[in-house]
C-alpha cells in the first residue's frame, strides 16, 4: 500500500487543526490533536490549532483565513454533522465525511437501518421509550430482544454509556440508572470485538481496507472504560482468512451504504459460531499513535505520517457533490 507524504508547499497557509470539543470524548480528541500536530510539524506543516470549546463567535474568529480544516475531534457537536455544516457555510474544506453521512452514521438507529437495508447483518435492536414506565419498558425489551441486551445512547461514540444487562431485573436496573438522552437497545451477541479501517483513494474512489484489529478486554465487553484501561489489541488478528475477508467486504459495503468519505472505521462482533455482526461506523476515529486506526495502518505498512497525509488529502473535494 503506497501513500505519498503531503507536500508542505500545498498547505503554506490557511490550514487549521480542530480538536478538543465539549463531548464525552474531549480528552481522547485532545490526544489525537497532539499526535496529528506532531506529525504535521514533522512534515513541514504549521496548522492553526483550534480547540472547539468556545461559542460560535469565538470559532468564527479562529477560522478567519482558514481554507482547510483537519478534524482531529469526535463525539457530539463534531462527528454528527454540525461542525461539518458550519464549515461548509464558511466555504472551508474539511477532512472526513460530509454533513448528511456524518449525521446518519452518528445516530445509531438510523445507521443500523441504512446498513441493514444494504443487506449487512446487524444485531436486532429498538429505540428505548424513555418516557414509559421502567418495568413496562424492560418487559418490552426482554420480550422483543431476549434476556441479554446492550443498552447505549443513540448518539455517542467510543462506547460511551454502553451497558450490558441480562434478565428482566437487570434491564430495569440499567434503565433506572441511565439518566437523560435518547437510548437504544440491541441483542447482545457475545464474541470477539473487531475493528476494520477503510480508506478511499482520492484519484478513483476505490476502497481498500486495513488489517482487522481485535480488542480483548478482561470481561469480554468493549466498553468506554475498557478502552481506557485493560484492553489489549491484536493486529493482525488470529482470525481465519475467510472471516477476515467477510469483515473487510462488510466494512467497505457499510462505508458505501452510509455515503462515507475518505476514511472510516467499522466495529464488529464475531461470535463463536463465526457470525459477523456490524455494530457501528466511526467517521472521525481516534487518531493517537495508539489508536485503532493507527495500529491497523502500521500493520498495513503505513507510517503514521502516511495515514495523516491520506486523511488530509481527503479534504480536497467539492462538498456540494458529496453527501
C-alpha atoms as a PDB file:
ATOM      1  CA  UNK A   1       0.000   0.000   0.000  1.00  0.00           C
ATOM      2  CA  UNK A   2       1.562   3.263  -1.167  1.00  0.00           C
ATOM      3  CA  UNK A   3       0.707   6.700   0.240  1.00  0.00           C
ATOM      4  CA  UNK A   4       2.816   9.764  -0.564  1.00  0.00           C
ATOM      5  CA  UNK A   5       3.541  12.221   2.203  1.00  0.00           C
ATOM      6  CA  UNK A   6       1.934  15.639   1.983  1.00  0.00           C
ATOM      7  CA  UNK A   7       3.888  18.320   0.133  1.00  0.00           C
ATOM      8  CA  UNK A   8       4.050  21.225   2.611  1.00  0.00           C
ATOM      9  CA  UNK A   9       4.091  23.682  -0.303  1.00  0.00           C
ATOM     10  CA  UNK A  10       0.441  22.748  -0.932  1.00  0.00           C
ATOM     11  CA  UNK A  11      -0.531  23.980   2.542  1.00  0.00           C
ATOM     12  CA  UNK A  12       1.547  27.091   3.123  1.00  0.00           C
ATOM     13  CA  UNK A  13      -1.389  28.968   4.596  1.00  0.00           C
ATOM     14  CA  UNK A  14      -4.969  28.528   5.669  1.00  0.00           C
ATOM     15  CA  UNK A  15      -4.595  25.132   7.392  1.00  0.00           C
ATOM     16  CA  UNK A  16      -6.294  24.526  10.744  1.00  0.00           C
ATOM     17  CA  UNK A  17      -6.288  21.550  13.099  1.00  0.00           C
ATOM     18  CA  UNK A  18      -9.566  21.369  15.036  1.00  0.00           C
ATOM     19  CA  UNK A  19      -9.537  19.280  18.215  1.00  0.00           C
ATOM     20  CA  UNK A  20     -10.929  19.154  21.760  1.00  0.00           C
ATOM     21  CA  UNK A  21     -14.617  19.958  21.763  1.00  0.00           C
ATOM     22  CA  UNK A  22     -17.129  19.559  24.558  1.00  0.00           C
ATOM     23  CA  UNK A  23     -18.351  15.966  24.212  1.00  0.00           C
ATOM     24  CA  UNK A  24     -17.555  12.985  26.416  1.00  0.00           C
ATOM     25  CA  UNK A  25     -14.690  12.261  24.013  1.00  0.00           C
ATOM     26  CA  UNK A  26     -12.892  15.563  24.596  1.00  0.00           C
ATOM     27  CA  UNK A  27      -9.865  14.028  26.333  1.00  0.00           C
ATOM     28  CA  UNK A  28      -9.281  11.493  23.576  1.00  0.00           C
ATOM     29  CA  UNK A  29      -9.754  14.188  20.941  1.00  0.00           C
ATOM     30  CA  UNK A  30      -7.054  16.321  22.548  1.00  0.00           C
ATOM     31  CA  UNK A  31      -4.667  13.356  22.492  1.00  0.00           C
ATOM     32  CA  UNK A  32      -5.473  12.851  18.806  1.00  0.00           C
ATOM     33  CA  UNK A  33      -4.893  16.533  18.139  1.00  0.00           C
ATOM     34  CA  UNK A  34      -1.458  16.500  19.732  1.00  0.00           C
ATOM     35  CA  UNK A  35      -0.440  13.396  17.787  1.00  0.00           C
ATOM     36  CA  UNK A  36      -1.650  14.866  14.485  1.00  0.00           C
ATOM     37  CA  UNK A  37       0.046  18.188  15.250  1.00  0.00           C
ATOM     38  CA  UNK A  38       3.356  16.412  15.844  1.00  0.00           C
ATOM     39  CA  UNK A  39       3.069  14.541  12.562  1.00  0.00           C
ATOM     40  CA  UNK A  40       2.158  17.689  10.657  1.00  0.00           C
ATOM     41  CA  UNK A  41       5.042  19.653  12.142  1.00  0.00           C
ATOM     42  CA  UNK A  42       7.364  16.797  11.198  1.00  0.00           C
ATOM     43  CA  UNK A  43       6.174  17.069   7.576  1.00  0.00           C
ATOM     44  CA  UNK A  44       6.772  20.825   7.493  1.00  0.00           C
ATOM     45  CA  UNK A  45       3.162  21.902   8.096  1.00  0.00           C
ATOM     46  CA  UNK A  46       2.212  24.605  10.579  1.00  0.00           C
ATOM     47  CA  UNK A  47      -1.550  24.365  11.178  1.00  0.00           C
ATOM     48  CA  UNK A  48      -3.506  26.748  13.364  1.00  0.00           C
ATOM     49  CA  UNK A  49      -4.544  24.726  16.436  1.00  0.00           C
ATOM     50  CA  UNK A  50      -8.195  25.306  17.358  1.00  0.00           C
ATOM     51  CA  UNK A  51      -9.922  23.849  20.416  1.00  0.00           C
ATOM     52  CA  UNK A  52     -13.637  23.585  19.653  1.00  0.00           C
ATOM     53  CA  UNK A  53     -14.669  24.642  23.128  1.00  0.00           C
ATOM     54  CA  UNK A  54     -15.987  28.187  22.898  1.00  0.00           C
ATOM     55  CA  UNK A  55     -19.076  29.534  21.188  1.00  0.00           C
ATOM     56  CA  UNK A  56     -19.765  30.262  17.544  1.00  0.00           C
ATOM     57  CA  UNK A  57     -18.353  33.797  17.683  1.00  0.00           C
ATOM     58  CA  UNK A  58     -15.045  32.533  19.063  1.00  0.00           C
ATOM     59  CA  UNK A  59     -14.835  29.820  16.409  1.00  0.00           C
ATOM     60  CA  UNK A  60     -15.586  32.291  13.621  1.00  0.00           C
ATOM     61  CA  UNK A  61     -12.648  34.449  14.672  1.00  0.00           C
ATOM     62  CA  UNK A  62     -10.298  31.471  14.892  1.00  0.00           C
ATOM     63  CA  UNK A  63     -11.348  30.262  11.445  1.00  0.00           C
ATOM     64  CA  UNK A  64     -10.684  33.590   9.766  1.00  0.00           C
ATOM     65  CA  UNK A  65      -8.395  32.942   6.788  1.00  0.00           C
ATOM     66  CA  UNK A  66      -8.674  29.140   7.069  1.00  0.00           C
ATOM     67  CA  UNK A  67      -9.138  27.212   3.821  1.00  0.00           C
ATOM     68  CA  UNK A  68      -8.727  23.622   5.027  1.00  0.00           C
ATOM     69  CA  UNK A  69      -9.581  22.075   8.406  1.00  0.00           C
ATOM     70  CA  UNK A  70      -8.204  18.770   9.674  1.00  0.00           C
ATOM     71  CA  UNK A  71     -10.734  17.319  12.135  1.00  0.00           C
ATOM     72  CA  UNK A  72      -8.955  15.552  14.999  1.00  0.00           C
ATOM     73  CA  UNK A  73     -12.091  15.537  17.100  1.00  0.00           C
ATOM     74  CA  UNK A  74     -15.006  13.233  17.826  1.00  0.00           C
ATOM     75  CA  UNK A  75     -18.336  12.910  19.571  1.00  0.00           C
ATOM     76  CA  UNK A  76     -21.403  15.115  19.675  1.00  0.00           C
ATOM     77  CA  UNK A  77     -21.090  18.526  18.074  1.00  0.00           C
ATOM     78  CA  UNK A  78     -18.170  17.354  15.941  1.00  0.00           C
ATOM     79  CA  UNK A  79     -18.879  13.924  14.474  1.00  0.00           C
ATOM     80  CA  UNK A  80     -22.611  14.373  13.958  1.00  0.00           C
ATOM     81  CA  UNK A  81     -22.575  16.793  11.017  1.00  0.00           C
ATOM     82  CA  UNK A  82     -22.940  20.036  12.948  1.00  0.00           C
ATOM     83  CA  UNK A  83     -19.281  21.075  12.673  1.00  0.00           C
ATOM     84  CA  UNK A  84     -19.198  19.923   9.046  1.00  0.00           C
ATOM     85  CA  UNK A  85     -22.240  22.041   8.213  1.00  0.00           C
ATOM     86  CA  UNK A  86     -20.729  25.084   9.925  1.00  0.00           C
ATOM     87  CA  UNK A  87     -17.501  24.708   7.953  1.00  0.00           C
ATOM     88  CA  UNK A  88     -19.405  24.324   4.703  1.00  0.00           C
ATOM     89  CA  UNK A  89     -21.303  27.579   5.244  1.00  0.00           C
ATOM     90  CA  UNK A  90     -17.899  29.271   5.528  1.00  0.00           C
ATOM     91  CA  UNK A  91     -16.557  27.560   2.403  1.00  0.00           C
ATOM     92  CA  UNK A  92     -13.866  25.694   4.358  1.00  0.00           C
ATOM     93  CA  UNK A  93     -12.741  22.253   3.175  1.00  0.00           C
ATOM     94  CA  UNK A  94     -12.506  19.616   5.892  1.00  0.00           C
ATOM     95  CA  UNK A  95     -11.395  16.042   6.417  1.00  0.00           C
ATOM     96  CA  UNK A  96     -13.730  13.090   6.847  1.00  0.00           C
ATOM     97  CA  UNK A  97     -17.315  12.569   5.786  1.00  0.00           C
ATOM     98  CA  UNK A  98     -19.919  15.167   4.813  1.00  0.00           C
ATOM     99  CA  UNK A  99     -22.868  16.578   6.739  1.00  0.00           C
ATOM    100  CA  UNK A 100     -25.533  14.008   5.923  1.00  0.00           C
ATOM    101  CA  UNK A 101     -23.256  10.972   6.141  1.00  0.00           C
ATOM    102  CA  UNK A 102     -21.826  12.162   9.468  1.00  0.00           C
ATOM    103  CA  UNK A 103     -25.272  12.775  10.934  1.00  0.00           C
ATOM    104  CA  UNK A 104     -26.653   9.400   9.839  1.00  0.00           C
ATOM    105  CA  UNK A 105     -23.588   7.423  10.947  1.00  0.00           C
ATOM    106  CA  UNK A 106     -23.568   9.099  14.364  1.00  0.00           C
ATOM    107  CA  UNK A 107     -27.254   8.317  15.025  1.00  0.00           C
ATOM    108  CA  UNK A 108     -27.012   4.575  15.637  1.00  0.00           C
ATOM    109  CA  UNK A 109     -30.644   3.581  14.877  1.00  0.00           C
ATOM    110  CA  UNK A 110     -30.520   5.452  11.563  1.00  0.00           C
ATOM    111  CA  UNK A 111     -27.119   3.962  10.720  1.00  0.00           C
ATOM    112  CA  UNK A 112     -28.379   0.457  11.543  1.00  0.00           C
ATOM    113  CA  UNK A 113     -31.428   0.941   9.309  1.00  0.00           C
ATOM    114  CA  UNK A 114     -29.307   2.092   6.369  1.00  0.00           C
ATOM    115  CA  UNK A 115     -26.767  -0.692   6.776  1.00  0.00           C
ATOM    116  CA  UNK A 116     -29.426  -3.377   7.277  1.00  0.00           C
ATOM    117  CA  UNK A 117     -31.212  -2.177   4.122  1.00  0.00           C
ATOM    118  CA  UNK A 118     -27.959  -2.868   2.256  1.00  0.00           C
ATOM    119  CA  UNK A 119     -28.126  -6.498   3.408  1.00  0.00           C
ATOM    120  CA  UNK A 120     -25.480  -6.201   6.124  1.00  0.00           C
ATOM    121  CA  UNK A 121     -26.155  -8.261   9.289  1.00  0.00           C
ATOM    122  CA  UNK A 122     -26.500  -6.106  12.392  1.00  0.00           C
ATOM    123  CA  UNK A 123     -27.952  -7.039  15.814  1.00  0.00           C
ATOM    124  CA  UNK A 124     -31.710  -6.683  16.178  1.00  0.00           C
ATOM    125  CA  UNK A 125     -32.495  -3.532  18.107  1.00  0.00           C
ATOM    126  CA  UNK A 126     -35.015  -0.881  19.071  1.00  0.00           C
ATOM    127  CA  UNK A 127     -35.139   2.671  20.328  1.00  0.00           C
ATOM    128  CA  UNK A 128     -35.932   2.760  24.057  1.00  0.00           C
ATOM    129  CA  UNK A 129     -39.088   4.592  25.141  1.00  0.00           C
ATOM    130  CA  UNK A 130     -37.550   6.622  27.955  1.00  0.00           C
ATOM    131  CA  UNK A 131     -40.903   8.175  28.876  1.00  0.00           C
ATOM    132  CA  UNK A 132     -42.514   4.767  29.510  1.00  0.00           C
ATOM    133  CA  UNK A 133     -42.672   3.140  32.975  1.00  0.00           C
ATOM    134  CA  UNK A 134     -39.385   1.350  33.632  1.00  0.00           C
ATOM    135  CA  UNK A 135     -40.826  -2.086  34.344  1.00  0.00           C
ATOM    136  CA  UNK A 136     -43.099  -1.995  31.311  1.00  0.00           C
ATOM    137  CA  UNK A 137     -40.253  -0.905  29.037  1.00  0.00           C
ATOM    138  CA  UNK A 138     -37.916  -3.533  30.498  1.00  0.00           C
ATOM    139  CA  UNK A 139     -40.532  -6.208  29.799  1.00  0.00           C
ATOM    140  CA  UNK A 140     -40.953  -4.942  26.245  1.00  0.00           C
ATOM    141  CA  UNK A 141     -37.207  -5.080  25.621  1.00  0.00           C
ATOM    142  CA  UNK A 142     -36.870  -8.587  27.035  1.00  0.00           C
ATOM    143  CA  UNK A 143     -39.824  -9.825  25.002  1.00  0.00           C
ATOM    144  CA  UNK A 144     -38.518  -8.251  21.801  1.00  0.00           C
ATOM    145  CA  UNK A 145     -34.779  -8.889  22.111  1.00  0.00           C
ATOM    146  CA  UNK A 146     -34.402 -11.664  24.647  1.00  0.00           C
ATOM    147  CA  UNK A 147     -32.828 -11.613  28.109  1.00  0.00           C
ATOM    148  CA  UNK A 148     -29.336 -10.385  27.112  1.00  0.00           C
ATOM    149  CA  UNK A 149     -29.272  -6.849  25.746  1.00  0.00           C
ATOM    150  CA  UNK A 150     -26.886  -3.960  25.109  1.00  0.00           C
ATOM    151  CA  UNK A 151     -28.194  -0.558  26.190  1.00  0.00           C
ATOM    152  CA  UNK A 152     -26.444   2.554  24.882  1.00  0.00           C
ATOM    153  CA  UNK A 153     -27.036   6.180  23.843  1.00  0.00           C
ATOM    154  CA  UNK A 154     -28.161   6.645  20.246  1.00  0.00           C
ATOM    155  CA  UNK A 155     -25.653   9.408  19.506  1.00  0.00           C
ATOM    156  CA  UNK A 156     -22.453   8.875  21.469  1.00  0.00           C
ATOM    157  CA  UNK A 157     -19.233   7.418  20.122  1.00  0.00           C
ATOM    158  CA  UNK A 158     -16.404   5.422  21.661  1.00  0.00           C
ATOM    159  CA  UNK A 159     -18.867   3.127  23.522  1.00  0.00           C
ATOM    160  CA  UNK A 160     -19.714   5.970  25.920  1.00  0.00           C
ATOM    161  CA  UNK A 161     -22.587   4.915  28.184  1.00  0.00           C
ATOM    162  CA  UNK A 162     -22.696   1.332  26.907  1.00  0.00           C
ATOM    163  CA  UNK A 163     -24.152  -1.171  29.403  1.00  0.00           C
ATOM    164  CA  UNK A 164     -24.873  -4.908  29.242  1.00  0.00           C
ATOM    165  CA  UNK A 165     -27.970  -6.216  31.008  1.00  0.00           C
ATOM    166  CA  UNK A 166     -29.019  -9.827  31.495  1.00  0.00           C
ATOM    167  CA  UNK A 167     -32.561 -10.638  32.562  1.00  0.00           C
ATOM    168  CA  UNK A 168     -35.594  -8.513  33.383  1.00  0.00           C
ATOM    169  CA  UNK A 169     -34.415  -7.199  36.800  1.00  0.00           C
ATOM    170  CA  UNK A 170     -31.051  -6.072  35.421  1.00  0.00           C
ATOM    171  CA  UNK A 171     -32.597  -4.483  32.333  1.00  0.00           C
ATOM    172  CA  UNK A 172     -34.917  -2.484  34.598  1.00  0.00           C
ATOM    173  CA  UNK A 173     -31.970  -1.559  36.836  1.00  0.00           C
ATOM    174  CA  UNK A 174     -29.918  -0.237  33.908  1.00  0.00           C
ATOM    175  CA  UNK A 175     -32.892   1.756  32.601  1.00  0.00           C
ATOM    176  CA  UNK A 176     -33.328   3.283  36.056  1.00  0.00           C
ATOM    177  CA  UNK A 177     -29.657   4.175  36.382  1.00  0.00           C
ATOM    178  CA  UNK A 178     -29.309   5.617  32.873  1.00  0.00           C
ATOM    179  CA  UNK A 179     -30.492   9.200  33.040  1.00  0.00           C
ATOM    180  CA  UNK A 180     -31.054  11.666  30.211  1.00  0.00           C
ATOM    181  CA  UNK A 181     -30.635  11.398  26.485  1.00  0.00           C
ATOM    182  CA  UNK A 182     -32.073   9.079  23.863  1.00  0.00           C
ATOM    183  CA  UNK A 183     -31.265   5.387  24.285  1.00  0.00           C
ATOM    184  CA  UNK A 184     -31.425   2.219  22.227  1.00  0.00           C
ATOM    185  CA  UNK A 185     -31.148  -1.488  22.943  1.00  0.00           C
ATOM    186  CA  UNK A 186     -29.762  -4.360  20.884  1.00  0.00           C
ATOM    187  CA  UNK A 187     -29.463  -8.107  21.214  1.00  0.00           C
ATOM    188  CA  UNK A 188     -26.169  -8.839  22.972  1.00  0.00           C
ATOM    189  CA  UNK A 189     -24.058 -11.232  20.909  1.00  0.00           C
ATOM    190  CA  UNK A 190     -21.095 -12.443  22.931  1.00  0.00           C
ATOM    191  CA  UNK A 191     -17.984 -12.677  20.806  1.00  0.00           C
ATOM    192  CA  UNK A 192     -14.768 -11.074  19.640  1.00  0.00           C
ATOM    193  CA  UNK A 193     -14.603  -7.283  19.238  1.00  0.00           C
ATOM    194  CA  UNK A 194     -13.121  -6.475  15.827  1.00  0.00           C
ATOM    195  CA  UNK A 195     -12.478  -3.168  14.058  1.00  0.00           C
ATOM    196  CA  UNK A 196     -11.754  -2.634  10.356  1.00  0.00           C
ATOM    197  CA  UNK A 197     -10.432   0.567   8.808  1.00  0.00           C
ATOM    198  CA  UNK A 198     -11.498   1.659   5.325  1.00  0.00           C
ATOM    199  CA  UNK A 199      -9.538   4.033   3.097  1.00  0.00           C
ATOM    200  CA  UNK A 200     -10.945   5.604  -0.079  1.00  0.00           C
ATOM    201  CA  UNK A 201      -8.469   6.730  -2.703  1.00  0.00           C
ATOM    202  CA  UNK A 202      -8.841  10.284  -3.954  1.00  0.00           C
ATOM    203  CA  UNK A 203      -7.893   9.533  -7.564  1.00  0.00           C
ATOM    204  CA  UNK A 204     -10.571   6.971  -8.393  1.00  0.00           C
ATOM    205  CA  UNK A 205     -12.679   6.466  -5.265  1.00  0.00           C
ATOM    206  CA  UNK A 206     -11.580   2.848  -4.958  1.00  0.00           C
ATOM    207  CA  UNK A 207     -11.799   1.395  -1.455  1.00  0.00           C
ATOM    208  CA  UNK A 208      -9.302  -0.685   0.434  1.00  0.00           C
ATOM    209  CA  UNK A 209      -9.275  -1.994   3.978  1.00  0.00           C
ATOM    210  CA  UNK A 210      -6.619  -2.061   6.649  1.00  0.00           C
ATOM    211  CA  UNK A 211      -5.864  -5.306   8.507  1.00  0.00           C
ATOM    212  CA  UNK A 212      -8.603  -6.041  11.087  1.00  0.00           C
ATOM    213  CA  UNK A 213      -7.801  -5.350  14.737  1.00  0.00           C
ATOM    214  CA  UNK A 214      -9.099  -7.310  17.721  1.00  0.00           C
ATOM    215  CA  UNK A 215      -9.660  -5.743  21.134  1.00  0.00           C
ATOM    216  CA  UNK A 216      -9.594  -8.105  24.109  1.00  0.00           C
ATOM    217  CA  UNK A 217     -10.907  -6.966  27.482  1.00  0.00           C
ATOM    218  CA  UNK A 218     -10.906  -8.660  30.904  1.00  0.00           C
ATOM    219  CA  UNK A 219     -14.686  -9.291  30.841  1.00  0.00           C
ATOM    220  CA  UNK A 220     -15.081  -9.589  27.089  1.00  0.00           C
ATOM    221  CA  UNK A 221     -17.098  -6.359  26.794  1.00  0.00           C
ATOM    222  CA  UNK A 222     -15.577  -3.463  24.817  1.00  0.00           C
ATOM    223  CA  UNK A 223     -16.926  -0.542  26.867  1.00  0.00           C
ATOM    224  CA  UNK A 224     -15.636   3.035  27.044  1.00  0.00           C
ATOM    225  CA  UNK A 225     -13.978   2.226  30.358  1.00  0.00           C
ATOM    226  CA  UNK A 226     -12.296  -0.866  28.900  1.00  0.00           C
ATOM    227  CA  UNK A 227     -10.890   1.259  26.100  1.00  0.00           C
ATOM    228  CA  UNK A 228      -9.262   3.463  28.713  1.00  0.00           C
ATOM    229  CA  UNK A 229      -7.981   0.652  30.927  1.00  0.00           C
ATOM    230  CA  UNK A 230      -7.341  -3.004  30.363  1.00  0.00           C
ATOM    231  CA  UNK A 231      -7.950  -3.504  26.646  1.00  0.00           C
ATOM    232  CA  UNK A 232      -5.280  -5.464  24.759  1.00  0.00           C
ATOM    233  CA  UNK A 233      -5.102  -5.061  20.996  1.00  0.00           C
ATOM    234  CA  UNK A 234      -4.000  -7.558  18.362  1.00  0.00           C
ATOM    235  CA  UNK A 235      -3.300  -6.517  14.781  1.00  0.00           C
ATOM    236  CA  UNK A 236      -3.103  -8.595  12.723  1.00  0.00           C
ATOM    237  CA  UNK A 237      -5.663 -10.860  14.389  1.00  0.00           C
ATOM    238  CA  UNK A 238      -5.780 -14.642  14.745  1.00  0.00           C
ATOM    239  CA  UNK A 239      -8.993 -14.803  12.706  1.00  0.00           C
ATOM    240  CA  UNK A 240      -9.216 -17.169   9.769  1.00  0.00           C
ATOM    241  CA  UNK A 241      -8.725 -15.711   6.293  1.00  0.00           C
ATOM    242  CA  UNK A 242     -12.350 -16.396   5.427  1.00  0.00           C
ATOM    243  CA  UNK A 243     -13.681 -14.397   8.385  1.00  0.00           C
ATOM    244  CA  UNK A 244     -11.227 -11.553   7.728  1.00  0.00           C
ATOM    245  CA  UNK A 245     -12.419 -11.427   4.137  1.00  0.00           C
ATOM    246  CA  UNK A 246     -16.057 -11.186   5.268  1.00  0.00           C
ATOM    247  CA  UNK A 247     -15.169  -8.415   7.731  1.00  0.00           C
ATOM    248  CA  UNK A 248     -13.300  -6.374   5.121  1.00  0.00           C
ATOM    249  CA  UNK A 249     -16.002  -6.748   2.478  1.00  0.00           C
ATOM    250  CA  UNK A 250     -18.682  -5.824   5.008  1.00  0.00           C
ATOM    251  CA  UNK A 251     -16.763  -2.752   6.198  1.00  0.00           C
ATOM    252  CA  UNK A 252     -16.454  -1.478   2.621  1.00  0.00           C
ATOM    253  CA  UNK A 253     -20.141  -2.181   1.962  1.00  0.00           C
ATOM    254  CA  UNK A 254     -21.135  -0.224   5.091  1.00  0.00           C
ATOM    255  CA  UNK A 255     -18.826   2.655   4.103  1.00  0.00           C
ATOM    256  CA  UNK A 256     -20.600   2.865   0.737  1.00  0.00           C
ATOM    257  CA  UNK A 257     -24.122   2.393   2.140  1.00  0.00           C
ATOM    258  CA  UNK A 258     -23.634   5.260   4.609  1.00  0.00           C
ATOM    259  CA  UNK A 259     -22.095   7.522   1.970  1.00  0.00           C
ATOM    260  CA  UNK A 260     -18.857   7.978   3.914  1.00  0.00           C
ATOM    261  CA  UNK A 261     -15.850   9.805   2.505  1.00  0.00           C
ATOM    262  CA  UNK A 262     -12.069   9.332   2.540  1.00  0.00           C
ATOM    263  CA  UNK A 263     -11.788   7.034   5.567  1.00  0.00           C
ATOM    264  CA  UNK A 264     -13.787   5.350   8.304  1.00  0.00           C
ATOM    265  CA  UNK A 265     -13.556   2.676  10.967  1.00  0.00           C
ATOM    266  CA  UNK A 266     -16.171  -0.028  11.480  1.00  0.00           C
ATOM    267  CA  UNK A 267     -16.783  -2.082  14.614  1.00  0.00           C
ATOM    268  CA  UNK A 268     -17.993  -5.682  14.571  1.00  0.00           C
ATOM    269  CA  UNK A 269     -18.620  -8.639  16.821  1.00  0.00           C
ATOM    270  CA  UNK A 270     -17.657 -12.118  15.630  1.00  0.00           C
ATOM    271  CA  UNK A 271     -19.447 -14.861  17.568  1.00  0.00           C
ATOM    272  CA  UNK A 272     -18.112 -18.307  18.457  1.00  0.00           C
ATOM    273  CA  UNK A 273     -20.206 -19.625  15.547  1.00  0.00           C
ATOM    274  CA  UNK A 274     -18.331 -17.233  13.177  1.00  0.00           C
ATOM    275  CA  UNK A 275     -21.363 -14.997  12.699  1.00  0.00           C
ATOM    276  CA  UNK A 276     -20.322 -11.447  11.800  1.00  0.00           C
ATOM    277  CA  UNK A 277     -22.459  -8.531  13.025  1.00  0.00           C
ATOM    278  CA  UNK A 278     -21.795  -4.900  12.093  1.00  0.00           C
ATOM    279  CA  UNK A 279     -22.161  -2.636  15.146  1.00  0.00           C
ATOM    280  CA  UNK A 280     -21.335   0.936  14.134  1.00  0.00           C
ATOM    281  CA  UNK A 281     -19.211   3.240  11.999  1.00  0.00           C
ATOM    282  CA  UNK A 282     -16.740   5.815  13.262  1.00  0.00           C
ATOM    283  CA  UNK A 283     -16.446   8.718  10.836  1.00  0.00           C
ATOM    284  CA  UNK A 284     -13.811  10.516  12.923  1.00  0.00           C
ATOM    285  CA  UNK A 285     -11.962   7.723  14.740  1.00  0.00           C
ATOM    286  CA  UNK A 286      -9.342   8.334  17.389  1.00  0.00           C
ATOM    287  CA  UNK A 287      -6.035   9.346  15.767  1.00  0.00           C
ATOM    288  CA  UNK A 288      -3.468   8.924  18.519  1.00  0.00           C
ATOM    289  CA  UNK A 289      -0.442   6.755  17.815  1.00  0.00           C
ATOM    290  CA  UNK A 290      -2.073   4.050  19.993  1.00  0.00           C
ATOM    291  CA  UNK A 291      -5.480   4.404  18.340  1.00  0.00           C
ATOM    292  CA  UNK A 292      -7.065   1.542  16.439  1.00  0.00           C
ATOM    293  CA  UNK A 293      -6.708   3.203  13.041  1.00  0.00           C
ATOM    294  CA  UNK A 294      -3.005   3.944  13.531  1.00  0.00           C
ATOM    295  CA  UNK A 295      -2.361   0.369  14.664  1.00  0.00           C
ATOM    296  CA  UNK A 296      -4.162  -1.008  11.615  1.00  0.00           C
ATOM    297  CA  UNK A 297      -2.257   1.351   9.314  1.00  0.00           C
ATOM    298  CA  UNK A 298       1.036   0.226  10.853  1.00  0.00           C
ATOM    299  CA  UNK A 299       0.113  -3.414  10.222  1.00  0.00           C
ATOM    300  CA  UNK A 300      -0.538  -2.473   6.580  1.00  0.00           C
ATOM    301  CA  UNK A 301       2.943  -0.965   6.290  1.00  0.00           C
ATOM    302  CA  UNK A 302       1.833   2.666   6.527  1.00  0.00           C
ATOM    303  CA  UNK A 303       3.609   5.124   8.778  1.00  0.00           C
ATOM    304  CA  UNK A 304       1.590   7.453  10.982  1.00  0.00           C
ATOM    305  CA  UNK A 305       2.620  10.359   8.730  1.00  0.00           C
ATOM    306  CA  UNK A 306       1.319   8.484   5.682  1.00  0.00           C
ATOM    307  CA  UNK A 307      -2.027   7.914   7.410  1.00  0.00           C
ATOM    308  CA  UNK A 308      -2.336  11.609   8.275  1.00  0.00           C
ATOM    309  CA  UNK A 309      -1.345  12.534   4.699  1.00  0.00           C
ATOM    310  CA  UNK A 310      -4.123  10.345   3.305  1.00  0.00           C
ATOM    311  CA  UNK A 311      -6.711  11.878   5.624  1.00  0.00           C
ATOM    312  CA  UNK A 312      -5.609  15.442   4.835  1.00  0.00           C
ATOM    313  CA  UNK A 313      -5.790  14.815   1.082  1.00  0.00           C
ATOM    314  CA  UNK A 314      -9.388  13.719   1.580  1.00  0.00           C
ATOM    315  CA  UNK A 315     -10.328  17.350   2.304  1.00  0.00           C
ATOM    316  CA  UNK A 316      -9.655  18.243  -1.331  1.00  0.00           C
ATOM    317  CA  UNK A 317     -13.162  17.564  -2.596  1.00  0.00           C
ATOM    318  CA  UNK A 318     -16.199  19.555  -3.710  1.00  0.00           C
ATOM    319  CA  UNK A 319     -18.603  19.091  -0.789  1.00  0.00           C
ATOM    320  CA  UNK A 320     -21.538  20.126  -2.938  1.00  0.00           C
ATOM    321  CA  UNK A 321     -21.154  16.775  -4.726  1.00  0.00           C
ATOM    322  CA  UNK A 322     -20.821  14.762  -1.526  1.00  0.00           C
ATOM    323  CA  UNK A 323     -23.467  13.527   0.947  1.00  0.00           C
END
